[in-house]
């Protein structure tokens, strides 16, 4: 129950911060404008999904990654797991691509 509550609170914080500061999503297939370019685009990545990492005092890590406008993935993992963030990001991207194919079939 505590894990559920912390993930729920985490989503509330992200939604509140996004409402205050705004977040420009680009439609799929469009490139970002210089004013809406994210840090990941500046590093050469093509996605504009929101992501966040919070390290908790108990040694756990909360990792949030936006899948699409209406869906986000939240992981509660040990701090050792996030040390391999590239592998985590890759697995999330594979999951995101698979979900996208599922949604396209539904259309």
PDB file of N, CA and C in Angstrom:
ATOM      1  N   UNK A   1       0.820  -1.196   0.000  1.00  0.00           N
ATOM      2  CA  UNK A   1       0.000   0.000   0.000  1.00  0.00           C
ATOM      3  C   UNK A   1       0.865   1.262   0.000  1.00  0.00           C
ATOM      4  N   UNK A   2       1.985   1.223   0.725  1.00  0.00           N
ATOM      5  CA  UNK A   2       2.865   2.389   0.764  1.00  0.00           C
ATOM      6  C   UNK A   2       3.458   2.671  -0.618  1.00  0.00           C
ATOM      7  N   UNK A   3       3.802   1.617  -1.355  1.00  0.00           N
ATOM      8  CA  UNK A   3       4.350   1.807  -2.701  1.00  0.00           C
ATOM      9  C   UNK A   3       3.328   2.474  -3.609  1.00  0.00           C
ATOM     10  N   UNK A   4       2.078   2.021  -3.509  1.00  0.00           N
ATOM     11  CA  UNK A   4       1.010   2.617  -4.300  1.00  0.00           C
ATOM     12  C   UNK A   4       0.845   4.091  -3.955  1.00  0.00           C
ATOM     13  N   UNK A   5       0.853   4.409  -2.674  1.00  0.00           N
ATOM     14  CA  UNK A   5       0.663   5.791  -2.239  1.00  0.00           C
ATOM     15  C   UNK A   5       1.789   6.698  -2.712  1.00  0.00           C
ATOM     16  N   UNK A   6       3.027   6.225  -2.629  1.00  0.00           N
ATOM     17  CA  UNK A   6       4.143   7.079  -3.046  1.00  0.00           C
ATOM     18  C   UNK A   6       4.128   7.287  -4.558  1.00  0.00           C
ATOM     19  N   UNK A   7       3.751   6.255  -5.314  1.00  0.00           N
ATOM     20  CA  UNK A   7       3.648   6.416  -6.767  1.00  0.00           C
ATOM     21  C   UNK A   7       2.513   7.372  -7.126  1.00  0.00           C
ATOM     22  N   UNK A   8       1.400   7.263  -6.428  1.00  0.00           N
ATOM     23  CA  UNK A   8       0.274   8.156  -6.655  1.00  0.00           C
ATOM     24  C   UNK A   8       0.645   9.609  -6.338  1.00  0.00           C
ATOM     25  N   UNK A   9       1.322   9.807  -5.212  1.00  0.00           N
ATOM     26  CA  UNK A   9       1.767  11.156  -4.852  1.00  0.00           C
ATOM     27  C   UNK A   9       2.759  11.700  -5.877  1.00  0.00           C
ATOM     28  N   UNK A  10       3.613  10.835  -6.380  1.00  0.00           N
ATOM     29  CA  UNK A  10       4.597  11.224  -7.389  1.00  0.00           C
ATOM     30  C   UNK A  10       3.901  11.728  -8.655  1.00  0.00           C
ATOM     31  N   UNK A  11       2.868  11.020  -9.077  1.00  0.00           N
ATOM     32  CA  UNK A  11       2.109  11.455 -10.250  1.00  0.00           C
ATOM     33  C   UNK A  11       1.460  12.809  -9.985  1.00  0.00           C
ATOM     34  N   UNK A  12       0.886  12.988  -8.803  1.00  0.00           N
ATOM     35  CA  UNK A  12       0.270  14.272  -8.457  1.00  0.00           C
ATOM     36  C   UNK A  12       1.276  15.415  -8.536  1.00  0.00           C
ATOM     37  N   UNK A  13       2.478  15.195  -8.031  1.00  0.00           N
ATOM     38  CA  UNK A  13       3.520  16.230  -8.069  1.00  0.00           C
ATOM     39  C   UNK A  13       3.886  16.561  -9.507  1.00  0.00           C
ATOM     40  N   UNK A  14       4.086  15.551 -10.332  1.00  0.00           N
ATOM     41  CA  UNK A  14       4.464  15.778 -11.736  1.00  0.00           C
ATOM     42  C   UNK A  14       3.350  16.532 -12.473  1.00  0.00           C
ATOM     43  N   UNK A  15       2.101  16.149 -12.244  1.00  0.00           N
ATOM     44  CA  UNK A  15       0.978  16.833 -12.897  1.00  0.00           C
ATOM     45  C   UNK A  15       0.902  18.284 -12.437  1.00  0.00           C
ATOM     46  N   UNK A  16       1.078  18.520 -11.132  1.00  0.00           N
ATOM     47  CA  UNK A  16       1.034  19.883 -10.610  1.00  0.00           C
ATOM     48  C   UNK A  16       2.162  20.744 -11.173  1.00  0.00           C
ATOM     49  N   UNK A  17       3.366  20.203 -11.227  1.00  0.00           N
ATOM     50  CA  UNK A  17       4.501  20.961 -11.767  1.00  0.00           C
ATOM     51  C   UNK A  17       4.287  21.242 -13.251  1.00  0.00           C
ATOM     52  N   UNK A  18       3.774  20.255 -13.978  1.00  0.00           N
ATOM     53  CA  UNK A  18       3.495  20.459 -15.405  1.00  0.00           C
ATOM     54  C   UNK A  18       2.433  21.529 -15.615  1.00  0.00           C
ATOM     55  N   UNK A  19       1.437  21.582 -14.722  1.00  0.00           N
ATOM     56  CA  UNK A  19       0.390  22.597 -14.839  1.00  0.00           C
ATOM     57  C   UNK A  19       0.944  23.985 -14.567  1.00  0.00           C
ATOM     58  N   UNK A  20       1.886  24.085 -13.647  1.00  0.00           N
ATOM     59  CA  UNK A  20       2.463  25.387 -13.303  1.00  0.00           C
ATOM     60  C   UNK A  20       3.413  25.884 -14.397  1.00  0.00           C
ATOM     61  N   UNK A  21       4.333  25.022 -14.800  1.00  0.00           N
ATOM     62  CA  UNK A  21       5.380  25.442 -15.723  1.00  0.00           C
ATOM     63  C   UNK A  21       5.078  25.126 -17.178  1.00  0.00           C
ATOM     64  N   UNK A  22       4.089  24.298 -17.426  1.00  0.00           N
ATOM     65  CA  UNK A  22       3.727  23.943 -18.787  1.00  0.00           C
ATOM     66  C   UNK A  22       4.676  22.931 -19.367  1.00  0.00           C
ATOM     67  N   UNK A  23       4.186  22.225 -20.372  1.00  0.00           N
ATOM     68  CA  UNK A  23       4.995  21.224 -21.048  1.00  0.00           C
ATOM     69  C   UNK A  23       4.473  21.105 -22.463  1.00  0.00           C
ATOM     70  N   UNK A  24       5.264  21.565 -23.429  1.00  0.00           N
ATOM     71  CA  UNK A  24       4.866  21.518 -24.833  1.00  0.00           C
ATOM     72  C   UNK A  24       5.171  20.148 -25.401  1.00  0.00           C
ATOM     73  N   UNK A  25       4.122  19.434 -25.781  1.00  0.00           N
ATOM     74  CA  UNK A  25       4.317  18.150 -26.444  1.00  0.00           C
ATOM     75  C   UNK A  25       4.275  18.393 -27.936  1.00  0.00           C
ATOM     76  N   UNK A  26       5.158  17.740 -28.650  1.00  0.00           N
ATOM     77  CA  UNK A  26       5.113  17.845 -30.101  1.00  0.00           C
ATOM     78  C   UNK A  26       4.272  16.712 -30.661  1.00  0.00           C
ATOM     79  N   UNK A  27       3.480  16.965 -31.687  1.00  0.00           N
ATOM     80  CA  UNK A  27       2.761  15.868 -32.338  1.00  0.00           C
ATOM     81  C   UNK A  27       3.777  14.901 -32.945  1.00  0.00           C
ATOM     82  N   UNK A  28       3.424  13.631 -32.993  1.00  0.00           N
ATOM     83  CA  UNK A  28       4.345  12.650 -33.534  1.00  0.00           C
ATOM     84  C   UNK A  28       4.697  12.992 -34.968  1.00  0.00           C
ATOM     85  N   UNK A  29       5.977  12.842 -35.299  1.00  0.00           N
ATOM     86  CA  UNK A  29       6.432  13.118 -36.652  1.00  0.00           C
ATOM     87  C   UNK A  29       6.937  14.525 -36.858  1.00  0.00           C
ATOM     88  N   UNK A  30       6.729  15.440 -35.912  1.00  0.00           N
ATOM     89  CA  UNK A  30       7.210  16.805 -36.035  1.00  0.00           C
ATOM     90  C   UNK A  30       8.495  16.965 -35.243  1.00  0.00           C
ATOM     91  N   UNK A  31       9.320  17.888 -35.704  1.00  0.00           N
ATOM     92  CA  UNK A  31      10.535  18.188 -34.960  1.00  0.00           C
ATOM     93  C   UNK A  31      10.255  19.297 -33.967  1.00  0.00           C
ATOM     94  N   UNK A  32      11.067  19.361 -32.949  1.00  0.00           N
ATOM     95  CA  UNK A  32      10.881  20.375 -31.911  1.00  0.00           C
ATOM     96  C   UNK A  32      11.377  21.725 -32.399  1.00  0.00           C
ATOM     97  N   UNK A  33      10.705  22.768 -31.945  1.00  0.00           N
ATOM     98  CA  UNK A  33      11.183  24.114 -32.232  1.00  0.00           C
ATOM     99  C   UNK A  33      12.257  24.458 -31.220  1.00  0.00           C
ATOM    100  N   UNK A  34      13.143  25.407 -31.519  1.00  0.00           N
ATOM    101  CA  UNK A  34      14.195  25.737 -30.571  1.00  0.00           C
ATOM    102  C   UNK A  34      13.684  26.149 -29.202  1.00  0.00           C
ATOM    103  N   UNK A  35      12.503  26.776 -29.134  1.00  0.00           N
ATOM    104  CA  UNK A  35      11.999  27.221 -27.834  1.00  0.00           C
ATOM    105  C   UNK A  35      11.441  26.076 -27.012  1.00  0.00           C
ATOM    106  N   UNK A  36      11.036  24.972 -27.666  1.00  0.00           N
ATOM    107  CA  UNK A  36      10.482  23.846 -26.915  1.00  0.00           C
ATOM    108  C   UNK A  36      11.440  22.660 -26.874  1.00  0.00           C
ATOM    109  N   UNK A  37      12.678  22.891 -27.251  1.00  0.00           N
ATOM    110  CA  UNK A  37      13.655  21.806 -27.283  1.00  0.00           C
ATOM    111  C   UNK A  37      14.012  21.381 -25.862  1.00  0.00           C
ATOM    112  N   UNK A  38      13.975  20.103 -25.617  1.00  0.00           N
ATOM    113  CA  UNK A  38      14.287  19.596 -24.283  1.00  0.00           C
ATOM    114  C   UNK A  38      15.777  19.292 -24.172  1.00  0.00           C
ATOM    115  N   UNK A  39      16.206  18.996 -22.969  1.00  0.00           N
ATOM    116  CA  UNK A  39      17.607  18.655 -22.733  1.00  0.00           C
ATOM    117  C   UNK A  39      17.982  17.393 -23.481  1.00  0.00           C
ATOM    118  N   UNK A  40      17.068  16.441 -23.599  1.00  0.00           N
ATOM    119  CA  UNK A  40      17.389  15.211 -24.305  1.00  0.00           C
ATOM    120  C   UNK A  40      17.603  15.478 -25.795  1.00  0.00           C
ATOM    121  N   UNK A  41      16.846  16.429 -26.381  1.00  0.00           N
ATOM    122  CA  UNK A  41      17.053  16.769 -27.778  1.00  0.00           C
ATOM    123  C   UNK A  41      18.394  17.455 -27.974  1.00  0.00           C
ATOM    124  N   UNK A  42      18.791  18.265 -27.039  1.00  0.00           N
ATOM    125  CA  UNK A  42      20.072  18.939 -27.143  1.00  0.00           C
ATOM    126  C   UNK A  42      21.216  17.941 -27.117  1.00  0.00           C
ATOM    127  N   UNK A  43      20.974  16.759 -26.516  1.00  0.00           N
ATOM    128  CA  UNK A  43      21.986  15.724 -26.460  1.00  0.00           C
ATOM    129  C   UNK A  43      21.896  14.789 -27.650  1.00  0.00           C
ATOM    130  N   UNK A  44      21.014  15.058 -28.592  1.00  0.00           N
ATOM    131  CA  UNK A  44      20.924  14.271 -29.797  1.00  0.00           C
ATOM    132  C   UNK A  44      19.831  13.215 -29.784  1.00  0.00           C
ATOM    133  N   UNK A  45      19.063  13.093 -28.739  1.00  0.00           N
ATOM    134  CA  UNK A  45      17.979  12.137 -28.709  1.00  0.00           C
ATOM    135  C   UNK A  45      16.755  12.773 -29.350  1.00  0.00           C
ATOM    136  N   UNK A  46      15.856  11.941 -29.875  1.00  0.00           N
ATOM    137  CA  UNK A  46      14.731  12.475 -30.628  1.00  0.00           C
ATOM    138  C   UNK A  46      13.439  12.544 -29.836  1.00  0.00           C
ATOM    139  N   UNK A  47      13.385  12.018 -28.629  1.00  0.00           N
ATOM    140  CA  UNK A  47      12.123  11.985 -27.913  1.00  0.00           C
ATOM    141  C   UNK A  47      11.960  13.198 -27.010  1.00  0.00           C
ATOM    142  N   UNK A  48      10.706  13.566 -26.773  1.00  0.00           N
ATOM    143  CA  UNK A  48      10.401  14.667 -25.868  1.00  0.00           C
ATOM    144  C   UNK A  48       9.581  14.191 -24.688  1.00  0.00           C
ATOM    145  N   UNK A  49       9.620  12.891 -24.391  1.00  0.00           N
ATOM    146  CA  UNK A  49       8.858  12.380 -23.269  1.00  0.00           C
ATOM    147  C   UNK A  49       9.434  12.920 -21.974  1.00  0.00           C
ATOM    148  N   UNK A  50       8.552  13.180 -21.047  1.00  0.00           N
ATOM    149  CA  UNK A  50       8.984  13.629 -19.728  1.00  0.00           C
ATOM    150  C   UNK A  50       9.531  12.442 -18.955  1.00  0.00           C
ATOM    151  N   UNK A  51      10.543  12.699 -18.163  1.00  0.00           N
ATOM    152  CA  UNK A  51      11.065  11.655 -17.291  1.00  0.00           C
ATOM    153  C   UNK A  51      11.604  12.311 -16.025  1.00  0.00           C
ATOM    154  N   UNK A  52      11.641  11.527 -14.959  1.00  0.00           N
ATOM    155  CA  UNK A  52      12.082  12.052 -13.683  1.00  0.00           C
ATOM    156  C   UNK A  52      12.592  10.913 -12.819  1.00  0.00           C
ATOM    157  N   UNK A  53      13.588  11.221 -11.998  1.00  0.00           N
ATOM    158  CA  UNK A  53      14.135  10.241 -11.063  1.00  0.00           C
ATOM    159  C   UNK A  53      14.186  10.890  -9.691  1.00  0.00           C
ATOM    160  N   UNK A  54      13.687  10.170  -8.693  1.00  0.00           N
ATOM    161  CA  UNK A  54      13.765  10.634  -7.310  1.00  0.00           C
ATOM    162  C   UNK A  54      14.415   9.536  -6.485  1.00  0.00           C
ATOM    163  N   UNK A  55      15.466   9.892  -5.773  1.00  0.00           N
ATOM    164  CA  UNK A  55      16.126   8.954  -4.874  1.00  0.00           C
ATOM    165  C   UNK A  55      15.523   9.111  -3.480  1.00  0.00           C
ATOM    166  N   UNK A  56      15.002   8.033  -2.943  1.00  0.00           N
ATOM    167  CA  UNK A  56      14.362   8.046  -1.633  1.00  0.00           C
ATOM    168  C   UNK A  56      15.386   7.755  -0.543  1.00  0.00           C
ATOM    169  N   UNK A  57      15.069   8.140   0.674  1.00  0.00           N
ATOM    170  CA  UNK A  57      15.997   7.951   1.792  1.00  0.00           C
ATOM    171  C   UNK A  57      16.206   6.485   2.148  1.00  0.00           C
ATOM    172  N   UNK A  58      15.296   5.614   1.785  1.00  0.00           N
ATOM    173  CA  UNK A  58      15.421   4.200   2.126  1.00  0.00           C
ATOM    174  C   UNK A  58      16.265   3.411   1.114  1.00  0.00           C
ATOM    175  N   UNK A  59      16.909   4.107   0.180  1.00  0.00           N
ATOM    176  CA  UNK A  59      17.756   3.440  -0.806  1.00  0.00           C
ATOM    177  C   UNK A  59      17.030   3.045  -2.072  1.00  0.00           C
ATOM    178  N   UNK A  60      15.750   3.341  -2.172  1.00  0.00           N
ATOM    179  CA  UNK A  60      14.979   3.025  -3.368  1.00  0.00           C
ATOM    180  C   UNK A  60      14.958   4.248  -4.294  1.00  0.00           C
ATOM    181  N   UNK A  61      14.591   4.002  -5.542  1.00  0.00           N
ATOM    182  CA  UNK A  61      14.525   5.052  -6.550  1.00  0.00           C
ATOM    183  C   UNK A  61      13.163   4.982  -7.225  1.00  0.00           C
ATOM    184  N   UNK A  62      12.542   6.131  -7.401  1.00  0.00           N
ATOM    185  CA  UNK A  62      11.318   6.240  -8.198  1.00  0.00           C
ATOM    186  C   UNK A  62      11.700   6.793  -9.556  1.00  0.00           C
ATOM    187  N   UNK A  63      11.323   6.082 -10.609  1.00  0.00           N
ATOM    188  CA  UNK A  63      11.639   6.489 -11.975  1.00  0.00           C
ATOM    189  C   UNK A  63      10.336   6.636 -12.730  1.00  0.00           C
ATOM    190  N   UNK A  64      10.089   7.814 -13.281  1.00  0.00           N
ATOM    191  CA  UNK A  64       8.887   8.072 -14.068  1.00  0.00           C
ATOM    192  C   UNK A  64       9.292   8.348 -15.497  1.00  0.00           C
ATOM    193  N   UNK A  65       8.567   7.755 -16.431  1.00  0.00           N
ATOM    194  CA  UNK A  65       8.812   8.023 -17.844  1.00  0.00           C
ATOM    195  C   UNK A  65       7.472   8.101 -18.553  1.00  0.00           C
ATOM    196  N   UNK A  66       7.263   9.185 -19.266  1.00  0.00           N
ATOM    197  CA  UNK A  66       6.029   9.360 -20.025  1.00  0.00           C
ATOM    198  C   UNK A  66       6.034   8.407 -21.216  1.00  0.00           C
ATOM    199  N   UNK A  67       4.951   7.668 -21.368  1.00  0.00           N
ATOM    200  CA  UNK A  67       4.807   6.760 -22.506  1.00  0.00           C
ATOM    201  C   UNK A  67       4.090   7.488 -23.649  1.00  0.00           C
ATOM    202  N   UNK A  68       2.998   8.137 -23.337  1.00  0.00           N
ATOM    203  CA  UNK A  68       2.309   9.012 -24.286  1.00  0.00           C
ATOM    204  C   UNK A  68       1.582  10.082 -23.479  1.00  0.00           C
ATOM    205  N   UNK A  69       0.737  10.838 -24.114  1.00  0.00           N
ATOM    206  CA  UNK A  69       0.080  11.948 -23.438  1.00  0.00           C
ATOM    207  C   UNK A  69      -0.756  11.505 -22.237  1.00  0.00           C
ATOM    208  N   UNK A  70      -1.290  10.306 -22.286  1.00  0.00           N
ATOM    209  CA  UNK A  70      -2.204   9.851 -21.252  1.00  0.00           C
ATOM    210  C   UNK A  70      -1.659   8.711 -20.392  1.00  0.00           C
ATOM    211  N   UNK A  71      -0.437   8.273 -20.635  1.00  0.00           N
ATOM    212  CA  UNK A  71       0.086   7.104 -19.955  1.00  0.00           C
ATOM    213  C   UNK A  71       1.535   7.325 -19.534  1.00  0.00           C
ATOM    214  N   UNK A  72       1.830   6.979 -18.291  1.00  0.00           N
ATOM    215  CA  UNK A  72       3.200   7.078 -17.780  1.00  0.00           C
ATOM    216  C   UNK A  72       3.558   5.776 -17.087  1.00  0.00           C
ATOM    217  N   UNK A  73       4.840   5.456 -17.098  1.00  0.00           N
ATOM    218  CA  UNK A  73       5.357   4.276 -16.428  1.00  0.00           C
ATOM    219  C   UNK A  73       6.124   4.739 -15.203  1.00  0.00           C
ATOM    220  N   UNK A  74       5.794   4.161 -14.061  1.00  0.00           N
ATOM    221  CA  UNK A  74       6.506   4.484 -12.831  1.00  0.00           C
ATOM    222  C   UNK A  74       7.118   3.202 -12.298  1.00  0.00           C
ATOM    223  N   UNK A  75       8.413   3.259 -12.021  1.00  0.00           N
ATOM    224  CA  UNK A  75       9.124   2.107 -11.482  1.00  0.00           C
ATOM    225  C   UNK A  75       9.651   2.463 -10.103  1.00  0.00           C
ATOM    226  N   UNK A  76       9.472   1.559  -9.182  1.00  0.00           N
ATOM    227  CA  UNK A  76      10.061   1.665  -7.860  1.00  0.00           C
ATOM    228  C   UNK A  76      11.126   0.588  -7.804  1.00  0.00           C
ATOM    229  N   UNK A  77      12.389   0.993  -7.783  1.00  0.00           N
ATOM    230  CA  UNK A  77      13.482   0.022  -7.866  1.00  0.00           C
ATOM    231  C   UNK A  77      14.596   0.363  -6.890  1.00  0.00           C
ATOM    232  N   UNK A  78      15.467  -0.594  -6.686  1.00  0.00           N
ATOM    233  CA  UNK A  78      16.627  -0.353  -5.845  1.00  0.00           C
ATOM    234  C   UNK A  78      17.570   0.597  -6.555  1.00  0.00           C
ATOM    235  N   UNK A  79      18.406   1.297  -5.782  1.00  0.00           N
ATOM    236  CA  UNK A  79      19.308   2.275  -6.378  1.00  0.00           C
ATOM    237  C   UNK A  79      20.307   1.627  -7.334  1.00  0.00           C
ATOM    238  N   UNK A  80      20.610   0.341  -7.147  1.00  0.00           N
ATOM    239  CA  UNK A  80      21.522  -0.345  -8.058  1.00  0.00           C
ATOM    240  C   UNK A  80      20.930  -0.454  -9.464  1.00  0.00           C
ATOM    241  N   UNK A  81      19.605  -0.536  -9.544  1.00  0.00           N
ATOM    242  CA  UNK A  81      18.944  -0.650 -10.834  1.00  0.00           C
ATOM    243  C   UNK A  81      19.106   0.588 -11.696  1.00  0.00           C
ATOM    244  N   UNK A  82      19.081   1.751 -11.092  1.00  0.00           N
ATOM    245  CA  UNK A  82      19.170   2.991 -11.860  1.00  0.00           C
ATOM    246  C   UNK A  82      20.614   3.296 -12.254  1.00  0.00           C
ATOM    247  N   UNK A  83      21.569   2.605 -11.647  1.00  0.00           N
ATOM    248  CA  UNK A  83      22.968   2.786 -12.049  1.00  0.00           C
ATOM    249  C   UNK A  83      23.181   2.344 -13.489  1.00  0.00           C
ATOM    250  N   UNK A  84      22.307   1.463 -13.967  1.00  0.00           N
ATOM    251  CA  UNK A  84      22.333   1.029 -15.369  1.00  0.00           C
ATOM    252  C   UNK A  84      21.184   1.705 -16.110  1.00  0.00           C
ATOM    253  N   UNK A  85      21.142   3.027 -16.034  1.00  0.00           N
ATOM    254  CA  UNK A  85      20.014   3.777 -16.576  1.00  0.00           C
ATOM    255  C   UNK A  85      19.865   3.588 -18.080  1.00  0.00           C
ATOM    256  N   UNK A  86      20.961   3.413 -18.778  1.00  0.00           N
ATOM    257  CA  UNK A  86      20.876   3.177 -20.217  1.00  0.00           C
ATOM    258  C   UNK A  86      20.085   1.925 -20.536  1.00  0.00           C
ATOM    259  N   UNK A  87      20.305   0.878 -19.767  1.00  0.00           N
ATOM    260  CA  UNK A  87      19.571  -0.371 -19.959  1.00  0.00           C
ATOM    261  C   UNK A  87      18.099  -0.204 -19.591  1.00  0.00           C
ATOM    262  N   UNK A  88      17.832   0.525 -18.509  1.00  0.00           N
ATOM    263  CA  UNK A  88      16.452   0.804 -18.108  1.00  0.00           C
ATOM    264  C   UNK A  88      15.752   1.607 -19.195  1.00  0.00           C
ATOM    265  N   UNK A  89      16.398   2.655 -19.700  1.00  0.00           N
ATOM    266  CA  UNK A  89      15.813   3.476 -20.763  1.00  0.00           C
ATOM    267  C   UNK A  89      15.550   2.652 -22.023  1.00  0.00           C
ATOM    268  N   UNK A  90      16.477   1.771 -22.358  1.00  0.00           N
ATOM    269  CA  UNK A  90      16.293   0.914 -23.534  1.00  0.00           C
ATOM    270  C   UNK A  90      15.070   0.024 -23.363  1.00  0.00           C
ATOM    271  N   UNK A  91      14.947  -0.618 -22.201  1.00  0.00           N
ATOM    272  CA  UNK A  91      13.809  -1.504 -21.953  1.00  0.00           C
ATOM    273  C   UNK A  91      12.488  -0.736 -21.958  1.00  0.00           C
ATOM    274  N   UNK A  92      12.494   0.462 -21.414  1.00  0.00           N
ATOM    275  CA  UNK A  92      11.278   1.283 -21.438  1.00  0.00           C
ATOM    276  C   UNK A  92      10.931   1.662 -22.872  1.00  0.00           C
ATOM    277  N   UNK A  93      11.932   1.970 -23.676  1.00  0.00           N
ATOM    278  CA  UNK A  93      11.686   2.318 -25.083  1.00  0.00           C
ATOM    279  C   UNK A  93      11.104   1.129 -25.849  1.00  0.00           C
ATOM    280  N   UNK A  94      11.614  -0.070 -25.600  1.00  0.00           N
ATOM    281  CA  UNK A  94      11.062  -1.273 -26.236  1.00  0.00           C
ATOM    282  C   UNK A  94       9.610  -1.459 -25.824  1.00  0.00           C
ATOM    283  N   UNK A  95       9.328  -1.284 -24.531  1.00  0.00           N
ATOM    284  CA  UNK A  95       7.960  -1.379 -24.018  1.00  0.00           C
ATOM    285  C   UNK A  95       7.064  -0.323 -24.667  1.00  0.00           C
ATOM    286  N   UNK A  96       7.575   0.902 -24.788  1.00  0.00           N
ATOM    287  CA  UNK A  96       6.809   1.994 -25.386  1.00  0.00           C
ATOM    288  C   UNK A  96       6.496   1.696 -26.847  1.00  0.00           C
ATOM    289  N   UNK A  97       7.465   1.195 -27.582  1.00  0.00           N
ATOM    290  CA  UNK A  97       7.244   0.852 -28.995  1.00  0.00           C
ATOM    291  C   UNK A  97       6.199  -0.258 -29.139  1.00  0.00           C
ATOM    292  N   UNK A  98       6.262  -1.258 -28.253  1.00  0.00           N
ATOM    293  CA  UNK A  98       5.284  -2.351 -28.299  1.00  0.00           C
ATOM    294  C   UNK A  98       3.880  -1.836 -27.994  1.00  0.00           C
ATOM    295  N   UNK A  99       3.761  -0.962 -26.992  1.00  0.00           N
ATOM    296  CA  UNK A  99       2.449  -0.374 -26.687  1.00  0.00           C
ATOM    297  C   UNK A  99       1.923   0.446 -27.856  1.00  0.00           C
ATOM    298  N   UNK A 100       2.812   1.180 -28.512  1.00  0.00           N
ATOM    299  CA  UNK A 100       2.397   1.978 -29.671  1.00  0.00           C
ATOM    300  C   UNK A 100       1.824   1.080 -30.767  1.00  0.00           C
ATOM    301  N   UNK A 101       2.456  -0.054 -30.990  1.00  0.00           N
ATOM    302  CA  UNK A 101       1.939  -0.993 -32.003  1.00  0.00           C
ATOM    303  C   UNK A 101       0.580  -1.554 -31.590  1.00  0.00           C
ATOM    304  N   UNK A 102       0.397  -1.810 -30.298  1.00  0.00           N
ATOM    305  CA  UNK A 102      -0.894  -2.296 -29.809  1.00  0.00           C
ATOM    306  C   UNK A 102      -1.976  -1.240 -30.037  1.00  0.00           C
ATOM    307  N   UNK A 103      -1.668   0.008 -29.737  1.00  0.00           N
ATOM    308  CA  UNK A 103      -2.640   1.098 -29.914  1.00  0.00           C
ATOM    309  C   UNK A 103      -2.951   1.301 -31.403  1.00  0.00           C
ATOM    310  N   UNK A 104      -1.979   1.134 -32.269  1.00  0.00           N
ATOM    311  CA  UNK A 104      -2.220   1.300 -33.702  1.00  0.00           C
ATOM    312  C   UNK A 104      -3.136   0.219 -34.242  1.00  0.00           C
ATOM    313  N   UNK A 105      -3.003  -1.005 -33.730  1.00  0.00           N
ATOM    314  CA  UNK A 105      -3.875  -2.098 -34.155  1.00  0.00           C
ATOM    315  C   UNK A 105      -5.312  -1.806 -33.729  1.00  0.00           C
ATOM    316  N   UNK A 106      -5.470  -1.195 -32.553  1.00  0.00           N
ATOM    317  CA  UNK A 106      -6.795  -0.865 -32.049  1.00  0.00           C
ATOM    318  C   UNK A 106      -7.506   0.207 -32.861  1.00  0.00           C
ATOM    319  N   UNK A 107      -6.761   1.008 -33.581  1.00  0.00           N
ATOM    320  CA  UNK A 107      -7.364   2.069 -34.394  1.00  0.00           C
ATOM    321  C   UNK A 107      -7.893   1.462 -35.632  1.00  0.00           C
TER     322      UNK A 107
END
